[in-house]
Amino acid sequence: MRDIRLLAEPFAPYALVDDFTQAHPGLGGACTFVGKVRGEEGVEALELTHYEPLTLPGMENLADRAFARFDLMGLIMVHRVGLMRPGEPIVCVSAAARHRRAAFEATDFCMDHLKSAAWFWKREKRATVNGGEWRWIEPRDEDHADLARWSDEGTVARKNSPV
Protein backbone atom coordinates (compact mmCIF):
# COMPACT_ATOMS: atom_id res chain seq x y z
CA MET A 1 0.00 0.00 0.00
CA ARG A 2 1.24 3.43 -0.94
CA ASP A 3 -0.74 6.50 0.15
CA ILE A 4 0.82 9.85 -0.79
CA ARG A 5 -1.51 12.85 -0.40
CA LEU A 6 -1.88 16.54 0.21
CA LEU A 7 -4.94 17.53 2.24
CA ALA A 8 -6.54 20.92 2.78
CA GLU A 9 -8.79 19.64 5.59
CA PRO A 10 -8.01 18.11 9.01
CA PHE A 11 -7.36 14.37 9.06
CA ALA A 12 -7.26 11.57 11.63
CA PRO A 13 -3.73 10.15 11.41
CA TYR A 14 -4.34 7.15 13.64
CA ALA A 15 -7.29 6.01 11.54
CA LEU A 16 -5.00 6.13 8.49
CA VAL A 17 -2.35 4.13 10.29
CA ASP A 18 -4.85 1.54 11.54
CA ASP A 19 -6.13 0.91 8.00
CA PHE A 20 -2.54 0.88 6.73
CA THR A 21 -1.30 -1.75 9.20
CA GLN A 22 -4.39 -3.91 8.59
CA ALA A 23 -3.54 -3.89 4.86
CA HIS A 24 -0.14 -5.50 5.56
CA PRO A 25 -0.77 -8.79 7.40
CA GLY A 26 2.85 -9.98 7.10
CA LEU A 27 4.50 -6.87 8.44
CA GLY A 28 7.05 -7.14 11.19
CA GLY A 29 6.45 -3.58 12.26
CA ALA A 30 5.31 -0.12 11.36
CA CYS A 31 6.86 3.14 12.42
CA THR A 32 4.73 6.27 12.44
CA PHE A 33 5.48 9.93 12.92
CA VAL A 34 2.68 12.45 13.39
CA GLY A 35 3.64 16.12 13.43
CA LYS A 36 1.23 18.59 15.00
CA VAL A 37 0.98 22.37 15.21
CA ARG A 38 2.65 23.44 18.44
CA GLY A 39 0.67 25.79 20.66
CA GLU A 40 3.43 27.12 22.88
CA GLU A 41 4.80 30.66 22.88
CA GLY A 42 1.53 32.21 21.75
CA VAL A 43 1.17 30.37 18.43
CA GLU A 44 -2.36 31.00 17.19
CA ALA A 45 -2.13 29.54 13.69
CA LEU A 46 0.18 27.94 11.15
CA GLU A 47 -0.23 28.24 7.40
CA LEU A 48 1.45 26.07 4.79
CA THR A 49 1.40 27.02 1.14
CA HIS A 50 2.90 25.06 -1.71
CA TYR A 51 3.57 25.10 -5.43
CA GLU A 52 1.08 22.55 -6.72
CA PRO A 53 2.95 21.40 -9.86
CA LEU A 54 5.96 20.41 -7.72
CA THR A 55 4.66 19.41 -4.31
CA LEU A 56 2.77 16.17 -4.89
CA PRO A 57 5.15 14.95 -7.64
CA GLY A 58 8.03 15.74 -5.27
CA MET A 59 6.38 13.73 -2.50
CA GLU A 60 5.82 10.84 -4.95
CA ASN A 61 9.50 11.00 -5.92
CA LEU A 62 10.47 10.96 -2.24
CA ALA A 63 8.30 7.86 -1.76
CA ASP A 64 10.00 6.20 -4.76
CA ARG A 65 13.39 6.93 -3.18
CA ALA A 66 12.26 5.50 0.16
CA PHE A 67 11.03 2.30 -1.51
CA ALA A 68 14.29 2.00 -3.46
CA ARG A 69 16.45 2.62 -0.40
CA PHE A 70 14.61 0.56 2.26
CA ASP A 71 12.92 -2.82 2.23
CA LEU A 72 9.35 -1.53 2.65
CA MET A 73 5.95 -3.16 2.33
CA GLY A 74 4.09 0.14 2.34
CA LEU A 75 4.30 3.85 3.01
CA ILE A 76 1.89 6.62 4.02
CA MET A 77 2.92 10.22 3.51
CA VAL A 78 0.04 12.64 4.15
CA HIS A 79 0.70 16.36 4.50
CA ARG A 80 -1.68 19.23 5.25
CA VAL A 81 -1.67 22.56 3.47
CA GLY A 82 -3.62 25.68 4.34
CA LEU A 83 -4.48 27.18 7.71
CA MET A 84 -4.09 25.03 10.84
CA ARG A 85 -4.60 25.63 14.55
CA PRO A 86 -2.55 24.37 17.52
CA GLY A 87 -2.99 20.65 18.12
CA GLU A 88 -4.02 19.83 14.54
CA PRO A 89 -1.95 17.24 12.65
CA ILE A 90 0.28 18.63 9.91
CA VAL A 91 1.92 15.46 8.65
CA CYS A 92 1.70 11.70 9.03
CA VAL A 93 4.43 9.40 7.73
CA SER A 94 4.16 5.69 8.40
CA ALA A 95 6.34 2.94 6.96
CA ALA A 96 5.55 -0.78 7.10
CA ALA A 97 8.30 -3.36 6.77
CA ARG A 98 9.13 -6.94 7.61
CA HIS A 99 11.89 -5.67 9.93
CA ARG A 100 11.75 -2.72 12.31
CA ARG A 101 14.95 -0.98 11.22
CA ALA A 102 13.67 -0.40 7.67
CA ALA A 103 10.42 1.07 9.04
CA PHE A 104 12.28 3.35 11.48
CA GLU A 105 14.79 4.55 8.92
CA ALA A 106 12.27 5.08 6.10
CA THR A 107 10.05 7.21 8.35
CA ASP A 108 13.04 9.25 9.50
CA PHE A 109 14.30 9.62 5.90
CA CYS A 110 10.93 10.90 4.67
CA MET A 111 10.47 13.33 7.56
CA ASP A 112 13.97 14.77 7.21
CA HIS A 113 13.31 15.44 3.54
CA LEU A 114 9.83 16.86 4.13
CA LYS A 115 11.14 19.14 6.87
CA SER A 116 14.14 20.57 5.01
CA ALA A 117 13.94 19.92 1.28
CA ALA A 118 10.23 19.94 0.50
CA TRP A 119 8.05 22.24 -1.53
CA PHE A 120 6.24 24.00 1.30
CA TRP A 121 6.38 27.54 2.65
CA LYS A 122 5.45 27.87 6.28
CA ARG A 123 4.41 30.88 8.32
CA GLU A 124 2.96 31.28 11.77
CA LYS A 125 0.95 33.81 13.67
CA ARG A 126 1.83 34.45 17.31
CA ALA A 127 -0.11 36.73 19.58
CA THR A 128 3.13 37.68 21.36
CA VAL A 129 5.27 38.57 18.31
CA ASN A 130 4.91 41.73 16.20
CA GLY A 131 1.39 42.43 17.43
CA GLY A 132 -0.02 39.18 16.06
CA GLU A 133 1.43 39.52 12.57
CA TRP A 134 2.44 36.53 10.45
CA ARG A 135 6.13 35.57 10.19
CA TRP A 136 7.81 33.12 7.81
CA ILE A 137 9.52 30.05 9.25
CA GLU A 138 12.72 28.73 7.71
CA PRO A 139 14.28 25.29 8.29
CA ARG A 140 16.67 25.34 11.24
CA ASP A 141 20.35 24.39 11.06
CA GLU A 142 19.41 21.15 12.85
CA ASP A 143 16.92 20.35 10.08
CA HIS A 144 19.62 20.72 7.43
CA ALA A 145 22.02 18.59 9.51
CA ASP A 146 19.34 15.88 9.79
CA LEU A 147 18.90 15.91 6.02
CA ALA A 148 22.66 15.67 5.44
CA ARG A 149 22.71 12.30 7.26
CA TRP A 150 21.08 10.74 4.20
CA SER A 151 24.01 11.17 1.85
CA ASP A 152 25.10 7.83 0.42
CA GLU A 153 27.91 7.59 2.99
CA GLY A 154 25.55 8.15 5.92
CA THR A 155 22.92 5.55 5.13
CA VAL A 156 22.28 3.19 8.02
CA ALA A 157 19.54 0.84 6.85
CA ARG A 158 19.78 0.10 3.17
CA LYS A 159 17.41 -2.10 1.24
CA ASN A 160 17.91 -5.78 2.01
CA SER A 161 19.59 -4.96 5.31
CA PRO A 162 19.52 -8.00 7.63
CA VAL A 163 18.41 -5.88 10.65
C-alpha atoms as a PDB file:
ATOM      1  CA  MET A   1       0.000   0.000   0.000  1.00  0.00           C
ATOM      2  CA  ARG A   2       1.236   3.429  -0.940  1.00  0.00           C
ATOM      3  CA  ASP A   3      -0.742   6.498   0.147  1.00  0.00           C
ATOM      4  CA  ILE A   4       0.816   9.852  -0.792  1.00  0.00           C
ATOM      5  CA  ARG A   5      -1.515  12.848  -0.397  1.00  0.00           C
ATOM      6  CA  LEU A   6      -1.881  16.544   0.212  1.00  0.00           C
ATOM      7  CA  LEU A   7      -4.936  17.535   2.242  1.00  0.00           C
ATOM      8  CA  ALA A   8      -6.544  20.923   2.783  1.00  0.00           C
ATOM      9  CA  GLU A   9      -8.786  19.639   5.593  1.00  0.00           C
ATOM     10  CA  PRO A  10      -8.015  18.106   9.013  1.00  0.00           C
ATOM     11  CA  PHE A  11      -7.364  14.371   9.062  1.00  0.00           C
ATOM     12  CA  ALA A  12      -7.265  11.573  11.630  1.00  0.00           C
ATOM     13  CA  PRO A  13      -3.734  10.148  11.408  1.00  0.00           C
ATOM     14  CA  TYR A  14      -4.336   7.148  13.641  1.00  0.00           C
ATOM     15  CA  ALA A  15      -7.295   6.012  11.541  1.00  0.00           C
ATOM     16  CA  LEU A  16      -5.002   6.132   8.485  1.00  0.00           C
ATOM     17  CA  VAL A  17      -2.348   4.130  10.290  1.00  0.00           C
ATOM     18  CA  ASP A  18      -4.851   1.543  11.543  1.00  0.00           C
ATOM     19  CA  ASP A  19      -6.131   0.911   8.001  1.00  0.00           C
ATOM     20  CA  PHE A  20      -2.541   0.885   6.733  1.00  0.00           C
ATOM     21  CA  THR A  21      -1.303  -1.748   9.196  1.00  0.00           C
ATOM     22  CA  GLN A  22      -4.390  -3.908   8.589  1.00  0.00           C
ATOM     23  CA  ALA A  23      -3.541  -3.892   4.864  1.00  0.00           C
ATOM     24  CA  HIS A  24      -0.138  -5.502   5.565  1.00  0.00           C
ATOM     25  CA  PRO A  25      -0.775  -8.785   7.401  1.00  0.00           C
ATOM     26  CA  GLY A  26       2.849  -9.983   7.101  1.00  0.00           C
ATOM     27  CA  LEU A  27       4.499  -6.872   8.442  1.00  0.00           C
ATOM     28  CA  GLY A  28       7.049  -7.143  11.190  1.00  0.00           C
ATOM     29  CA  GLY A  29       6.453  -3.584  12.261  1.00  0.00           C
ATOM     30  CA  ALA A  30       5.310  -0.125  11.356  1.00  0.00           C
ATOM     31  CA  CYS A  31       6.856   3.136  12.423  1.00  0.00           C
ATOM     32  CA  THR A  32       4.730   6.268  12.443  1.00  0.00           C
ATOM     33  CA  PHE A  33       5.481   9.933  12.923  1.00  0.00           C
ATOM     34  CA  VAL A  34       2.679  12.449  13.387  1.00  0.00           C
ATOM     35  CA  GLY A  35       3.638  16.119  13.428  1.00  0.00           C
ATOM     36  CA  LYS A  36       1.228  18.593  15.001  1.00  0.00           C
ATOM     37  CA  VAL A  37       0.977  22.367  15.213  1.00  0.00           C
ATOM     38  CA  ARG A  38       2.650  23.441  18.438  1.00  0.00           C
ATOM     39  CA  GLY A  39       0.674  25.787  20.656  1.00  0.00           C
ATOM     40  CA  GLU A  40       3.426  27.119  22.878  1.00  0.00           C
ATOM     41  CA  GLU A  41       4.797  30.657  22.881  1.00  0.00           C
ATOM     42  CA  GLY A  42       1.532  32.214  21.755  1.00  0.00           C
ATOM     43  CA  VAL A  43       1.170  30.372  18.432  1.00  0.00           C
ATOM     44  CA  GLU A  44      -2.359  31.000  17.194  1.00  0.00           C
ATOM     45  CA  ALA A  45      -2.129  29.538  13.688  1.00  0.00           C
ATOM     46  CA  LEU A  46       0.181  27.942  11.146  1.00  0.00           C
ATOM     47  CA  GLU A  47      -0.226  28.242   7.404  1.00  0.00           C
ATOM     48  CA  LEU A  48       1.453  26.072   4.788  1.00  0.00           C
ATOM     49  CA  THR A  49       1.397  27.018   1.142  1.00  0.00           C
ATOM     50  CA  HIS A  50       2.904  25.058  -1.712  1.00  0.00           C
ATOM     51  CA  TYR A  51       3.568  25.099  -5.434  1.00  0.00           C
ATOM     52  CA  GLU A  52       1.079  22.551  -6.719  1.00  0.00           C
ATOM     53  CA  PRO A  53       2.954  21.400  -9.861  1.00  0.00           C
ATOM     54  CA  LEU A  54       5.962  20.413  -7.716  1.00  0.00           C
ATOM     55  CA  THR A  55       4.662  19.407  -4.308  1.00  0.00           C
ATOM     56  CA  LEU A  56       2.773  16.167  -4.887  1.00  0.00           C
ATOM     57  CA  PRO A  57       5.145  14.946  -7.642  1.00  0.00           C
ATOM     58  CA  GLY A  58       8.030  15.739  -5.268  1.00  0.00           C
ATOM     59  CA  MET A  59       6.379  13.726  -2.501  1.00  0.00           C
ATOM     60  CA  GLU A  60       5.817  10.841  -4.954  1.00  0.00           C
ATOM     61  CA  ASN A  61       9.498  11.002  -5.919  1.00  0.00           C
ATOM     62  CA  LEU A  62      10.474  10.958  -2.243  1.00  0.00           C
ATOM     63  CA  ALA A  63       8.300   7.857  -1.757  1.00  0.00           C
ATOM     64  CA  ASP A  64      10.002   6.204  -4.761  1.00  0.00           C
ATOM     65  CA  ARG A  65      13.387   6.935  -3.181  1.00  0.00           C
ATOM     66  CA  ALA A  66      12.257   5.498   0.163  1.00  0.00           C
ATOM     67  CA  PHE A  67      11.025   2.297  -1.511  1.00  0.00           C
ATOM     68  CA  ALA A  68      14.294   1.995  -3.457  1.00  0.00           C
ATOM     69  CA  ARG A  69      16.446   2.616  -0.395  1.00  0.00           C
ATOM     70  CA  PHE A  70      14.614   0.562   2.260  1.00  0.00           C
ATOM     71  CA  ASP A  71      12.916  -2.821   2.234  1.00  0.00           C
ATOM     72  CA  LEU A  72       9.349  -1.533   2.649  1.00  0.00           C
ATOM     73  CA  MET A  73       5.955  -3.157   2.331  1.00  0.00           C
ATOM     74  CA  GLY A  74       4.089   0.137   2.344  1.00  0.00           C
ATOM     75  CA  LEU A  75       4.302   3.848   3.006  1.00  0.00           C
ATOM     76  CA  ILE A  76       1.894   6.615   4.015  1.00  0.00           C
ATOM     77  CA  MET A  77       2.918  10.223   3.513  1.00  0.00           C
ATOM     78  CA  VAL A  78       0.041  12.637   4.150  1.00  0.00           C
ATOM     79  CA  HIS A  79       0.696  16.364   4.503  1.00  0.00           C
ATOM     80  CA  ARG A  80      -1.685  19.229   5.247  1.00  0.00           C
ATOM     81  CA  VAL A  81      -1.671  22.561   3.474  1.00  0.00           C
ATOM     82  CA  GLY A  82      -3.622  25.679   4.337  1.00  0.00           C
ATOM     83  CA  LEU A  83      -4.485  27.177   7.706  1.00  0.00           C
ATOM     84  CA  MET A  84      -4.092  25.032  10.837  1.00  0.00           C
ATOM     85  CA  ARG A  85      -4.604  25.630  14.549  1.00  0.00           C
ATOM     86  CA  PRO A  86      -2.549  24.368  17.521  1.00  0.00           C
ATOM     87  CA  GLY A  87      -2.994  20.654  18.123  1.00  0.00           C
ATOM     88  CA  GLU A  88      -4.019  19.829  14.542  1.00  0.00           C
ATOM     89  CA  PRO A  89      -1.949  17.242  12.652  1.00  0.00           C
ATOM     90  CA  ILE A  90       0.278  18.630   9.911  1.00  0.00           C
ATOM     91  CA  VAL A  91       1.919  15.463   8.650  1.00  0.00           C
ATOM     92  CA  CYS A  92       1.702  11.701   9.026  1.00  0.00           C
ATOM     93  CA  VAL A  93       4.425   9.402   7.731  1.00  0.00           C
ATOM     94  CA  SER A  94       4.161   5.687   8.398  1.00  0.00           C
ATOM     95  CA  ALA A  95       6.341   2.937   6.962  1.00  0.00           C
ATOM     96  CA  ALA A  96       5.546  -0.785   7.100  1.00  0.00           C
ATOM     97  CA  ALA A  97       8.300  -3.363   6.767  1.00  0.00           C
ATOM     98  CA  ARG A  98       9.135  -6.938   7.614  1.00  0.00           C
ATOM     99  CA  HIS A  99      11.889  -5.670   9.933  1.00  0.00           C
ATOM    100  CA  ARG A 100      11.747  -2.716  12.312  1.00  0.00           C
ATOM    101  CA  ARG A 101      14.952  -0.978  11.223  1.00  0.00           C
ATOM    102  CA  ALA A 102      13.674  -0.400   7.668  1.00  0.00           C
ATOM    103  CA  ALA A 103      10.423   1.073   9.038  1.00  0.00           C
ATOM    104  CA  PHE A 104      12.280   3.350  11.484  1.00  0.00           C
ATOM    105  CA  GLU A 105      14.792   4.548   8.919  1.00  0.00           C
ATOM    106  CA  ALA A 106      12.266   5.083   6.100  1.00  0.00           C
ATOM    107  CA  THR A 107      10.051   7.205   8.354  1.00  0.00           C
ATOM    108  CA  ASP A 108      13.038   9.251   9.505  1.00  0.00           C
ATOM    109  CA  PHE A 109      14.297   9.620   5.903  1.00  0.00           C
ATOM    110  CA  CYS A 110      10.931  10.900   4.666  1.00  0.00           C
ATOM    111  CA  MET A 111      10.471  13.328   7.557  1.00  0.00           C
ATOM    112  CA  ASP A 112      13.974  14.770   7.209  1.00  0.00           C
ATOM    113  CA  HIS A 113      13.306  15.440   3.536  1.00  0.00           C
ATOM    114  CA  LEU A 114       9.833  16.860   4.133  1.00  0.00           C
ATOM    115  CA  LYS A 115      11.137  19.138   6.875  1.00  0.00           C
ATOM    116  CA  SER A 116      14.135  20.570   5.010  1.00  0.00           C
ATOM    117  CA  ALA A 117      13.940  19.920   1.284  1.00  0.00           C
ATOM    118  CA  ALA A 118      10.234  19.942   0.496  1.00  0.00           C
ATOM    119  CA  TRP A 119       8.047  22.244  -1.534  1.00  0.00           C
ATOM    120  CA  PHE A 120       6.244  24.004   1.305  1.00  0.00           C
ATOM    121  CA  TRP A 121       6.376  27.536   2.651  1.00  0.00           C
ATOM    122  CA  LYS A 122       5.447  27.871   6.283  1.00  0.00           C
ATOM    123  CA  ARG A 123       4.409  30.881   8.319  1.00  0.00           C
ATOM    124  CA  GLU A 124       2.957  31.281  11.770  1.00  0.00           C
ATOM    125  CA  LYS A 125       0.952  33.815  13.667  1.00  0.00           C
ATOM    126  CA  ARG A 126       1.833  34.448  17.311  1.00  0.00           C
ATOM    127  CA  ALA A 127      -0.111  36.733  19.583  1.00  0.00           C
ATOM    128  CA  THR A 128       3.125  37.684  21.358  1.00  0.00           C
ATOM    129  CA  VAL A 129       5.265  38.570  18.310  1.00  0.00           C
ATOM    130  CA  ASN A 130       4.908  41.731  16.197  1.00  0.00           C
ATOM    131  CA  GLY A 131       1.389  42.432  17.428  1.00  0.00           C
ATOM    132  CA  GLY A 132      -0.018  39.179  16.063  1.00  0.00           C
ATOM    133  CA  GLU A 133       1.433  39.517  12.568  1.00  0.00           C
ATOM    134  CA  TRP A 134       2.444  36.534  10.446  1.00  0.00           C
ATOM    135  CA  ARG A 135       6.125  35.567  10.187  1.00  0.00           C
ATOM    136  CA  TRP A 136       7.810  33.121   7.807  1.00  0.00           C
ATOM    137  CA  ILE A 137       9.521  30.053   9.251  1.00  0.00           C
ATOM    138  CA  GLU A 138      12.718  28.732   7.706  1.00  0.00           C
ATOM    139  CA  PRO A 139      14.282  25.292   8.289  1.00  0.00           C
ATOM    140  CA  ARG A 140      16.665  25.342  11.239  1.00  0.00           C
ATOM    141  CA  ASP A 141      20.354  24.391  11.065  1.00  0.00           C
ATOM    142  CA  GLU A 142      19.415  21.155  12.850  1.00  0.00           C
ATOM    143  CA  ASP A 143      16.915  20.354  10.082  1.00  0.00           C
ATOM    144  CA  HIS A 144      19.624  20.724   7.434  1.00  0.00           C
ATOM    145  CA  ALA A 145      22.017  18.586   9.512  1.00  0.00           C
ATOM    146  CA  ASP A 146      19.344  15.882   9.795  1.00  0.00           C
ATOM    147  CA  LEU A 147      18.899  15.913   6.023  1.00  0.00           C
ATOM    148  CA  ALA A 148      22.660  15.669   5.440  1.00  0.00           C
ATOM    149  CA  ARG A 149      22.708  12.299   7.260  1.00  0.00           C
ATOM    150  CA  TRP A 150      21.075  10.739   4.202  1.00  0.00           C
ATOM    151  CA  SER A 151      24.011  11.175   1.848  1.00  0.00           C
ATOM    152  CA  ASP A 152      25.100   7.834   0.422  1.00  0.00           C
ATOM    153  CA  GLU A 153      27.906   7.593   2.988  1.00  0.00           C
ATOM    154  CA  GLY A 154      25.548   8.152   5.924  1.00  0.00           C
ATOM    155  CA  THR A 155      22.917   5.551   5.134  1.00  0.00           C
ATOM    156  CA  VAL A 156      22.277   3.190   8.022  1.00  0.00           C
ATOM    157  CA  ALA A 157      19.536   0.843   6.847  1.00  0.00           C
ATOM    158  CA  ARG A 158      19.783   0.102   3.166  1.00  0.00           C
ATOM    159  CA  LYS A 159      17.411  -2.104   1.237  1.00  0.00           C
ATOM    160  CA  ASN A 160      17.906  -5.785   2.015  1.00  0.00           C
ATOM    161  CA  SER A 161      19.586  -4.957   5.312  1.00  0.00           C
ATOM    162  CA  PRO A 162      19.518  -8.005   7.629  1.00  0.00           C
ATOM    163  CA  VAL A 163      18.411  -5.885  10.645  1.00  0.00           C
END
